[in-house]
PDB file of all heavy atoms in Angstrom:
ATOM      1  N   ARG A   1       3.034   0.540  13.151  1.00  0.00           N
ATOM      2  CA  ARG A   1       4.313   0.571  13.866  1.00  0.00           C
ATOM      3  C   ARG A   1       5.284   1.571  13.244  1.00  0.00           C
ATOM      4  O   ARG A   1       6.113   2.160  13.946  1.00  0.00           O
ATOM      5  CB  ARG A   1       4.928  -0.831  13.890  1.00  0.00           C
ATOM      6  CG  ARG A   1       4.207  -1.776  14.842  1.00  0.00           C
ATOM      7  CD  ARG A   1       4.924  -3.098  15.017  1.00  0.00           C
ATOM      8  NE  ARG A   1       4.782  -3.969  13.868  1.00  0.00           N
ATOM      9  CZ  ARG A   1       5.788  -4.472  13.163  1.00  0.00           C
ATOM     10  NH1 ARG A   1       7.037  -4.169  13.485  1.00  0.00           N
ATOM     11  NH2 ARG A   1       5.570  -5.287  12.153  1.00  0.00           N
ATOM     12  N   MET A   2       5.198   1.773  11.922  1.00  0.00           N
ATOM     13  CA  MET A   2       6.011   2.808  11.269  1.00  0.00           C
ATOM     14  C   MET A   2       5.676   4.186  11.850  1.00  0.00           C
ATOM     15  O   MET A   2       6.569   4.972  12.197  1.00  0.00           O
ATOM     16  CB  MET A   2       5.755   2.813   9.760  1.00  0.00           C
ATOM     17  CG  MET A   2       6.497   1.761   8.984  1.00  0.00           C
ATOM     18  SD  MET A   2       8.245   2.202   8.764  1.00  0.00           S
ATOM     19  CE  MET A   2       8.777   0.792   7.770  1.00  0.00           C
ATOM     20  N   LEU A   3       4.385   4.477  11.941  1.00  0.00           N
ATOM     21  CA  LEU A   3       3.973   5.770  12.477  1.00  0.00           C
ATOM     22  C   LEU A   3       4.413   5.934  13.924  1.00  0.00           C
ATOM     23  O   LEU A   3       4.913   6.999  14.320  1.00  0.00           O
ATOM     24  CB  LEU A   3       2.454   5.911  12.369  1.00  0.00           C
ATOM     25  CG  LEU A   3       1.881   5.963  10.943  1.00  0.00           C
ATOM     26  CD1 LEU A   3       0.358   5.948  10.994  1.00  0.00           C
ATOM     27  CD2 LEU A   3       2.375   7.190  10.189  1.00  0.00           C
ATOM     28  N   ARG A   4       4.244   4.897  14.713  1.00  0.00           N
ATOM     29  CA  ARG A   4       4.645   4.968  16.119  1.00  0.00           C
ATOM     30  C   ARG A   4       6.157   5.091  16.264  1.00  0.00           C
ATOM     31  O   ARG A   4       6.650   5.624  17.264  1.00  0.00           O
ATOM     32  CB  ARG A   4       4.143   3.732  16.873  1.00  0.00           C
ATOM     33  CG  ARG A   4       2.629   3.671  16.987  1.00  0.00           C
ATOM     34  CD  ARG A   4       2.170   2.506  17.845  1.00  0.00           C
ATOM     35  NE  ARG A   4       2.587   2.646  19.222  1.00  0.00           N
ATOM     36  CZ  ARG A   4       2.341   1.753  20.188  1.00  0.00           C
ATOM     37  NH1 ARG A   4       1.657   0.649  19.887  1.00  0.00           N
ATOM     38  NH2 ARG A   4       2.743   1.943  21.416  1.00  0.00           N
ATOM     39  N   GLY A   5       6.892   4.599  15.273  1.00  0.00           N
ATOM     40  CA  GLY A   5       8.345   4.714  15.296  1.00  0.00           C
ATOM     41  C   GLY A   5       8.863   6.048  14.799  1.00  0.00           C
ATOM     42  O   GLY A   5      10.086   6.251  14.744  1.00  0.00           O
ATOM     43  N   GLY A   6       7.957   6.951  14.423  1.00  0.00           N
ATOM     44  CA  GLY A   6       8.369   8.281  13.994  1.00  0.00           C
ATOM     45  C   GLY A   6       8.584   8.423  12.497  1.00  0.00           C
ATOM     46  O   GLY A   6       9.043   9.480  12.045  1.00  0.00           O
ATOM     47  N   TRP A   7       8.232   7.402  11.716  1.00  0.00           N
ATOM     48  CA  TRP A   7       8.395   7.453  10.272  1.00  0.00           C
ATOM     49  C   TRP A   7       7.114   7.949   9.604  1.00  0.00           C
ATOM     50  O   TRP A   7       6.035   7.897  10.193  1.00  0.00           O
ATOM     51  CB  TRP A   7       8.763   6.072   9.723  1.00  0.00           C
ATOM     52  CG  TRP A   7      10.080   5.580  10.206  1.00  0.00           C
ATOM     53  CD1 TRP A   7      10.310   4.779  11.295  1.00  0.00           C
ATOM     54  CD2 TRP A   7      11.354   5.869   9.644  1.00  0.00           C
ATOM     55  NE1 TRP A   7      11.656   4.544  11.445  1.00  0.00           N
ATOM     56  CE2 TRP A   7      12.330   5.205  10.437  1.00  0.00           C
ATOM     57  CE3 TRP A   7      11.789   6.620   8.536  1.00  0.00           C
ATOM     58  CZ2 TRP A   7      13.689   5.270  10.163  1.00  0.00           C
ATOM     59  CZ3 TRP A   7      13.140   6.682   8.263  1.00  0.00           C
ATOM     60  CH2 TRP A   7      14.079   6.014   9.071  1.00  0.00           C
ATOM     61  N   GLN A   8       7.257   8.378   8.368  1.00  0.00           N
ATOM     62  CA  GLN A   8       6.105   8.824   7.585  1.00  0.00           C
ATOM     63  C   GLN A   8       5.711   7.755   6.577  1.00  0.00           C
ATOM     64  O   GLN A   8       6.566   7.087   5.996  1.00  0.00           O
ATOM     65  CB  GLN A   8       6.430  10.123   6.842  1.00  0.00           C
ATOM     66  CG  GLN A   8       6.707  11.307   7.742  1.00  0.00           C
ATOM     67  CD  GLN A   8       7.100  12.549   6.966  1.00  0.00           C
ATOM     68  OE1 GLN A   8       7.180  12.527   5.739  1.00  0.00           O
ATOM     69  NE2 GLN A   8       7.354  13.639   7.674  1.00  0.00           N
ATOM     70  N   ASN A   9       4.403   7.615   6.361  1.00  0.00           N
ATOM     71  CA  ASN A   9       3.861   6.694   5.363  1.00  0.00           C
ATOM     72  C   ASN A   9       3.266   7.527   4.221  1.00  0.00           C
ATOM     73  O   ASN A   9       2.442   8.411   4.470  1.00  0.00           O
ATOM     74  CB  ASN A   9       2.781   5.802   5.967  1.00  0.00           C
ATOM     75  CG  ASN A   9       3.280   4.985   7.139  1.00  0.00           C
ATOM     76  OD1 ASN A   9       4.482   4.829   7.331  1.00  0.00           O
ATOM     77  ND2 ASN A   9       2.365   4.456   7.930  1.00  0.00           N
ATOM     78  N   TRP A  10       3.659   7.222   2.992  1.00  0.00           N
ATOM     79  CA  TRP A  10       3.282   8.065   1.858  1.00  0.00           C
ATOM     80  C   TRP A  10       2.517   7.296   0.788  1.00  0.00           C
ATOM     81  O   TRP A  10       2.867   6.155   0.457  1.00  0.00           O
ATOM     82  CB  TRP A  10       4.518   8.680   1.211  1.00  0.00           C
ATOM     83  CG  TRP A  10       5.068   9.856   1.973  1.00  0.00           C
ATOM     84  CD1 TRP A  10       5.917   9.811   3.040  1.00  0.00           C
ATOM     85  CD2 TRP A  10       4.796  11.232   1.732  1.00  0.00           C
ATOM     86  NE1 TRP A  10       6.190  11.082   3.486  1.00  0.00           N
ATOM     87  CE2 TRP A  10       5.519  11.984   2.692  1.00  0.00           C
ATOM     88  CE3 TRP A  10       4.014  11.908   0.794  1.00  0.00           C
ATOM     89  CZ2 TRP A  10       5.469  13.368   2.734  1.00  0.00           C
ATOM     90  CZ3 TRP A  10       3.970  13.298   0.843  1.00  0.00           C
ATOM     91  CH2 TRP A  10       4.695  14.015   1.809  1.00  0.00           C
ATOM     92  N   TYR A  11       1.495   7.962   0.258  1.00  0.00           N
ATOM     93  CA  TYR A  11       0.841   7.536  -0.981  1.00  0.00           C
ATOM     94  C   TYR A  11       1.462   8.325  -2.128  1.00  0.00           C
ATOM     95  O   TYR A  11       1.618   9.551  -2.040  1.00  0.00           O
ATOM     96  CB  TYR A  11      -0.662   7.813  -0.929  1.00  0.00           C
ATOM     97  CG  TYR A  11      -1.296   7.927  -2.296  1.00  0.00           C
ATOM     98  CD1 TYR A  11      -1.627   6.789  -3.028  1.00  0.00           C
ATOM     99  CD2 TYR A  11      -1.534   9.181  -2.868  1.00  0.00           C
ATOM    100  CE1 TYR A  11      -2.183   6.897  -4.299  1.00  0.00           C
ATOM    101  CE2 TYR A  11      -2.091   9.297  -4.128  1.00  0.00           C
ATOM    102  CZ  TYR A  11      -2.413   8.154  -4.840  1.00  0.00           C
ATOM    103  OH  TYR A  11      -2.955   8.273  -6.094  1.00  0.00           O
ATOM    104  N   LEU A  12       1.855   7.618  -3.207  1.00  0.00           N
ATOM    105  CA  LEU A  12       2.460   8.257  -4.374  1.00  0.00           C
ATOM    106  C   LEU A  12       1.607   7.976  -5.608  1.00  0.00           C
ATOM    107  O   LEU A  12       1.147   6.843  -5.798  1.00  0.00           O
ATOM    108  CB  LEU A  12       3.885   7.736  -4.588  1.00  0.00           C
ATOM    109  CG  LEU A  12       4.841   7.903  -3.390  1.00  0.00           C
ATOM    110  CD1 LEU A  12       6.197   7.303  -3.710  1.00  0.00           C
ATOM    111  CD2 LEU A  12       4.967   9.369  -2.997  1.00  0.00           C
ATOM    112  N   PRO A  13       1.412   8.971  -6.479  1.00  0.00           N
ATOM    113  CA  PRO A  13       0.511   8.818  -7.626  1.00  0.00           C
ATOM    114  C   PRO A  13       1.160   8.128  -8.822  1.00  0.00           C
ATOM    115  O   PRO A  13       1.133   8.629  -9.950  1.00  0.00           O
ATOM    116  CB  PRO A  13       0.134  10.269  -7.950  1.00  0.00           C
ATOM    117  CG  PRO A  13       1.337  11.052  -7.576  1.00  0.00           C
ATOM    118  CD  PRO A  13       1.912  10.357  -6.353  1.00  0.00           C
ATOM    119  N   TYR A  14       1.766   6.965  -8.555  1.00  0.00           N
ATOM    120  CA  TYR A  14       2.342   6.143  -9.620  1.00  0.00           C
ATOM    121  C   TYR A  14       1.558   4.838  -9.657  1.00  0.00           C
ATOM    122  O   TYR A  14       1.123   4.339  -8.624  1.00  0.00           O
ATOM    123  CB  TYR A  14       3.831   5.897  -9.373  1.00  0.00           C
ATOM    124  CG  TYR A  14       4.585   7.172  -9.068  1.00  0.00           C
ATOM    125  CD1 TYR A  14       5.297   7.315  -7.876  1.00  0.00           C
ATOM    126  CD2 TYR A  14       4.562   8.239  -9.955  1.00  0.00           C
ATOM    127  CE1 TYR A  14       5.978   8.484  -7.582  1.00  0.00           C
ATOM    128  CE2 TYR A  14       5.240   9.416  -9.667  1.00  0.00           C
ATOM    129  CZ  TYR A  14       5.939   9.537  -8.478  1.00  0.00           C
ATOM    130  OH  TYR A  14       6.605  10.709  -8.192  1.00  0.00           O
ATOM    131  N   ASP A  15       1.414   4.256 -10.835  1.00  0.00           N
ATOM    132  CA  ASP A  15       0.389   3.246 -11.034  1.00  0.00           C
ATOM    133  C   ASP A  15       0.886   1.803 -11.071  1.00  0.00           C
ATOM    134  O   ASP A  15       1.964   1.507 -11.573  1.00  0.00           O
ATOM    135  CB  ASP A  15      -0.352   3.516 -12.351  1.00  0.00           C
ATOM    136  CG  ASP A  15      -1.155   4.801 -12.308  1.00  0.00           C
ATOM    137  OD1 ASP A  15      -1.633   5.162 -11.216  1.00  0.00           O
ATOM    138  OD2 ASP A  15      -1.297   5.447 -13.363  1.00  0.00           O
ATOM    139  N   ILE A  16       0.035   0.946 -10.529  1.00  0.00           N
ATOM    140  CA  ILE A  16       0.073  -0.485 -10.794  1.00  0.00           C
ATOM    141  C   ILE A  16      -1.366  -0.917 -11.050  1.00  0.00           C
ATOM    142  O   ILE A  16      -2.309  -0.208 -10.696  1.00  0.00           O
ATOM    143  CB  ILE A  16       0.658  -1.316  -9.628  1.00  0.00           C
ATOM    144  CG1 ILE A  16      -0.294  -1.287  -8.422  1.00  0.00           C
ATOM    145  CG2 ILE A  16       2.049  -0.842  -9.235  1.00  0.00           C
ATOM    146  CD1 ILE A  16       0.050  -2.295  -7.339  1.00  0.00           C
ATOM    147  N   ILE A  17      -1.522  -2.053 -11.685  1.00  0.00           N
ATOM    148  CA  ILE A  17      -2.839  -2.688 -11.771  1.00  0.00           C
ATOM    149  C   ILE A  17      -2.871  -3.810 -10.742  1.00  0.00           C
ATOM    150  O   ILE A  17      -1.946  -4.608 -10.657  1.00  0.00           O
ATOM    151  CB  ILE A  17      -3.106  -3.255 -13.179  1.00  0.00           C
ATOM    152  CG1 ILE A  17      -3.090  -2.137 -14.222  1.00  0.00           C
ATOM    153  CG2 ILE A  17      -4.449  -3.978 -13.211  1.00  0.00           C
ATOM    154  CD1 ILE A  17      -3.217  -2.644 -15.644  1.00  0.00           C
ATOM    155  N   HIS A  18      -3.934  -3.835  -9.962  1.00  0.00           N
ATOM    156  CA  HIS A  18      -4.099  -4.895  -8.961  1.00  0.00           C
ATOM    157  C   HIS A  18      -5.352  -5.684  -9.309  1.00  0.00           C
ATOM    158  O   HIS A  18      -6.460  -5.165  -9.200  1.00  0.00           O
ATOM    159  CB  HIS A  18      -4.219  -4.300  -7.556  1.00  0.00           C
ATOM    160  CG  HIS A  18      -4.294  -5.340  -6.480  1.00  0.00           C
ATOM    161  ND1 HIS A  18      -4.838  -5.104  -5.243  1.00  0.00           N
ATOM    162  CD2 HIS A  18      -3.888  -6.641  -6.456  1.00  0.00           C
ATOM    163  CE1 HIS A  18      -4.763  -6.198  -4.505  1.00  0.00           C
ATOM    164  NE2 HIS A  18      -4.201  -7.141  -5.224  1.00  0.00           N
ATOM    165  N   TYR A  19      -5.145  -6.919  -9.761  1.00  0.00           N
ATOM    166  CA  TYR A  19      -6.277  -7.770 -10.105  1.00  0.00           C
ATOM    167  C   TYR A  19      -6.867  -8.347  -8.831  1.00  0.00           C
ATOM    168  O   TYR A  19      -6.821  -9.553  -8.584  1.00  0.00           O
ATOM    169  CB  TYR A  19      -5.834  -8.878 -11.057  1.00  0.00           C
ATOM    170  CG  TYR A  19      -5.281  -8.355 -12.358  1.00  0.00           C
ATOM    171  CD1 TYR A  19      -3.908  -8.249 -12.560  1.00  0.00           C
ATOM    172  CD2 TYR A  19      -6.125  -7.963 -13.384  1.00  0.00           C
ATOM    173  CE1 TYR A  19      -3.387  -7.763 -13.745  1.00  0.00           C
ATOM    174  CE2 TYR A  19      -5.620  -7.477 -14.581  1.00  0.00           C
ATOM    175  CZ  TYR A  19      -4.255  -7.377 -14.746  1.00  0.00           C
ATOM    176  OH  TYR A  19      -3.750  -6.891 -15.921  1.00  0.00           O
ATOM    177  N   LYS A  20      -7.400  -7.468  -8.015  1.00  0.00           N
ATOM    178  CA  LYS A  20      -7.877  -7.854  -6.687  1.00  0.00           C
ATOM    179  C   LYS A  20      -8.961  -8.915  -6.797  1.00  0.00           C
ATOM    180  O   LYS A  20      -9.887  -8.788  -7.583  1.00  0.00           O
ATOM    181  CB  LYS A  20      -8.420  -6.630  -5.961  1.00  0.00           C
ATOM    182  CG  LYS A  20      -8.801  -6.907  -4.510  1.00  0.00           C
ATOM    183  CD  LYS A  20      -9.317  -5.644  -3.860  1.00  0.00           C
ATOM    184  CE  LYS A  20      -9.728  -5.919  -2.429  1.00  0.00           C
ATOM    185  NZ  LYS A  20     -10.301  -4.730  -1.785  1.00  0.00           N
ATOM    186  N   GLY A  21      -8.823  -9.942  -5.975  1.00  0.00           N
ATOM    187  CA  GLY A  21      -9.797 -11.023  -6.007  1.00  0.00           C
ATOM    188  C   GLY A  21      -9.322 -12.203  -6.825  1.00  0.00           C
ATOM    189  O   GLY A  21      -9.943 -13.255  -6.811  1.00  0.00           O
ATOM    190  N   LYS A  22      -8.203 -12.048  -7.559  1.00  0.00           N
ATOM    191  CA  LYS A  22      -7.701 -13.157  -8.359  1.00  0.00           C
ATOM    192  C   LYS A  22      -6.816 -14.084  -7.530  1.00  0.00           C
ATOM    193  O   LYS A  22      -6.702 -15.263  -7.810  1.00  0.00           O
ATOM    194  CB  LYS A  22      -6.910 -12.638  -9.561  1.00  0.00           C
ATOM    195  CG  LYS A  22      -7.740 -11.756 -10.486  1.00  0.00           C
ATOM    196  CD  LYS A  22      -8.994 -12.466 -10.963  1.00  0.00           C
ATOM    197  CE  LYS A  22      -9.790 -11.591 -11.917  1.00  0.00           C
ATOM    198  NZ  LYS A  22     -11.030 -12.243 -12.364  1.00  0.00           N
ATOM    199  N   SER A  23      -6.163 -13.547  -6.502  1.00  0.00           N
ATOM    200  CA  SER A  23      -5.353 -14.411  -5.651  1.00  0.00           C
ATOM    201  C   SER A  23      -6.100 -14.838  -4.399  1.00  0.00           C
ATOM    202  O   SER A  23      -5.647 -15.686  -3.651  1.00  0.00           O
ATOM    203  CB  SER A  23      -4.046 -13.709  -5.257  1.00  0.00           C
ATOM    204  OG  SER A  23      -4.305 -12.525  -4.550  1.00  0.00           O
ATOM    205  N   THR A  24      -7.280 -14.224  -4.146  1.00  0.00           N
ATOM    206  CA  THR A  24      -8.123 -14.645  -3.025  1.00  0.00           C
ATOM    207  C   THR A  24      -9.572 -14.513  -3.446  1.00  0.00           C
ATOM    208  O   THR A  24      -9.921 -13.701  -4.283  1.00  0.00           O
ATOM    209  CB  THR A  24      -7.897 -13.772  -1.771  1.00  0.00           C
ATOM    210  OG1 THR A  24      -8.108 -12.405  -2.129  1.00  0.00           O
ATOM    211  CG2 THR A  24      -6.517 -13.969  -1.210  1.00  0.00           C
ATOM    212  N   GLN A  25     -10.419 -15.293  -2.822  1.00  0.00           N
ATOM    213  CA  GLN A  25     -11.848 -15.221  -3.104  1.00  0.00           C
ATOM    214  C   GLN A  25     -12.519 -14.497  -1.946  1.00  0.00           C
ATOM    215  O   GLN A  25     -12.661 -15.035  -0.855  1.00  0.00           O
ATOM    216  CB  GLN A  25     -12.431 -16.623  -3.268  1.00  0.00           C
ATOM    217  CG  GLN A  25     -13.936 -16.657  -3.478  1.00  0.00           C
ATOM    218  CD  GLN A  25     -14.375 -15.770  -4.625  1.00  0.00           C
ATOM    219  OE1 GLN A  25     -14.786 -14.646  -4.392  1.00  0.00           O
ATOM    220  NE2 GLN A  25     -14.284 -16.262  -5.842  1.00  0.00           N
TER     221      GLN A  25
END
């Protein structure tokens, strides 16, 4: 919906750690 609304979506090379799979199985 952001894209359809004319906005830009950006990936930025700044870091987080995501312990993926720890909050869901």
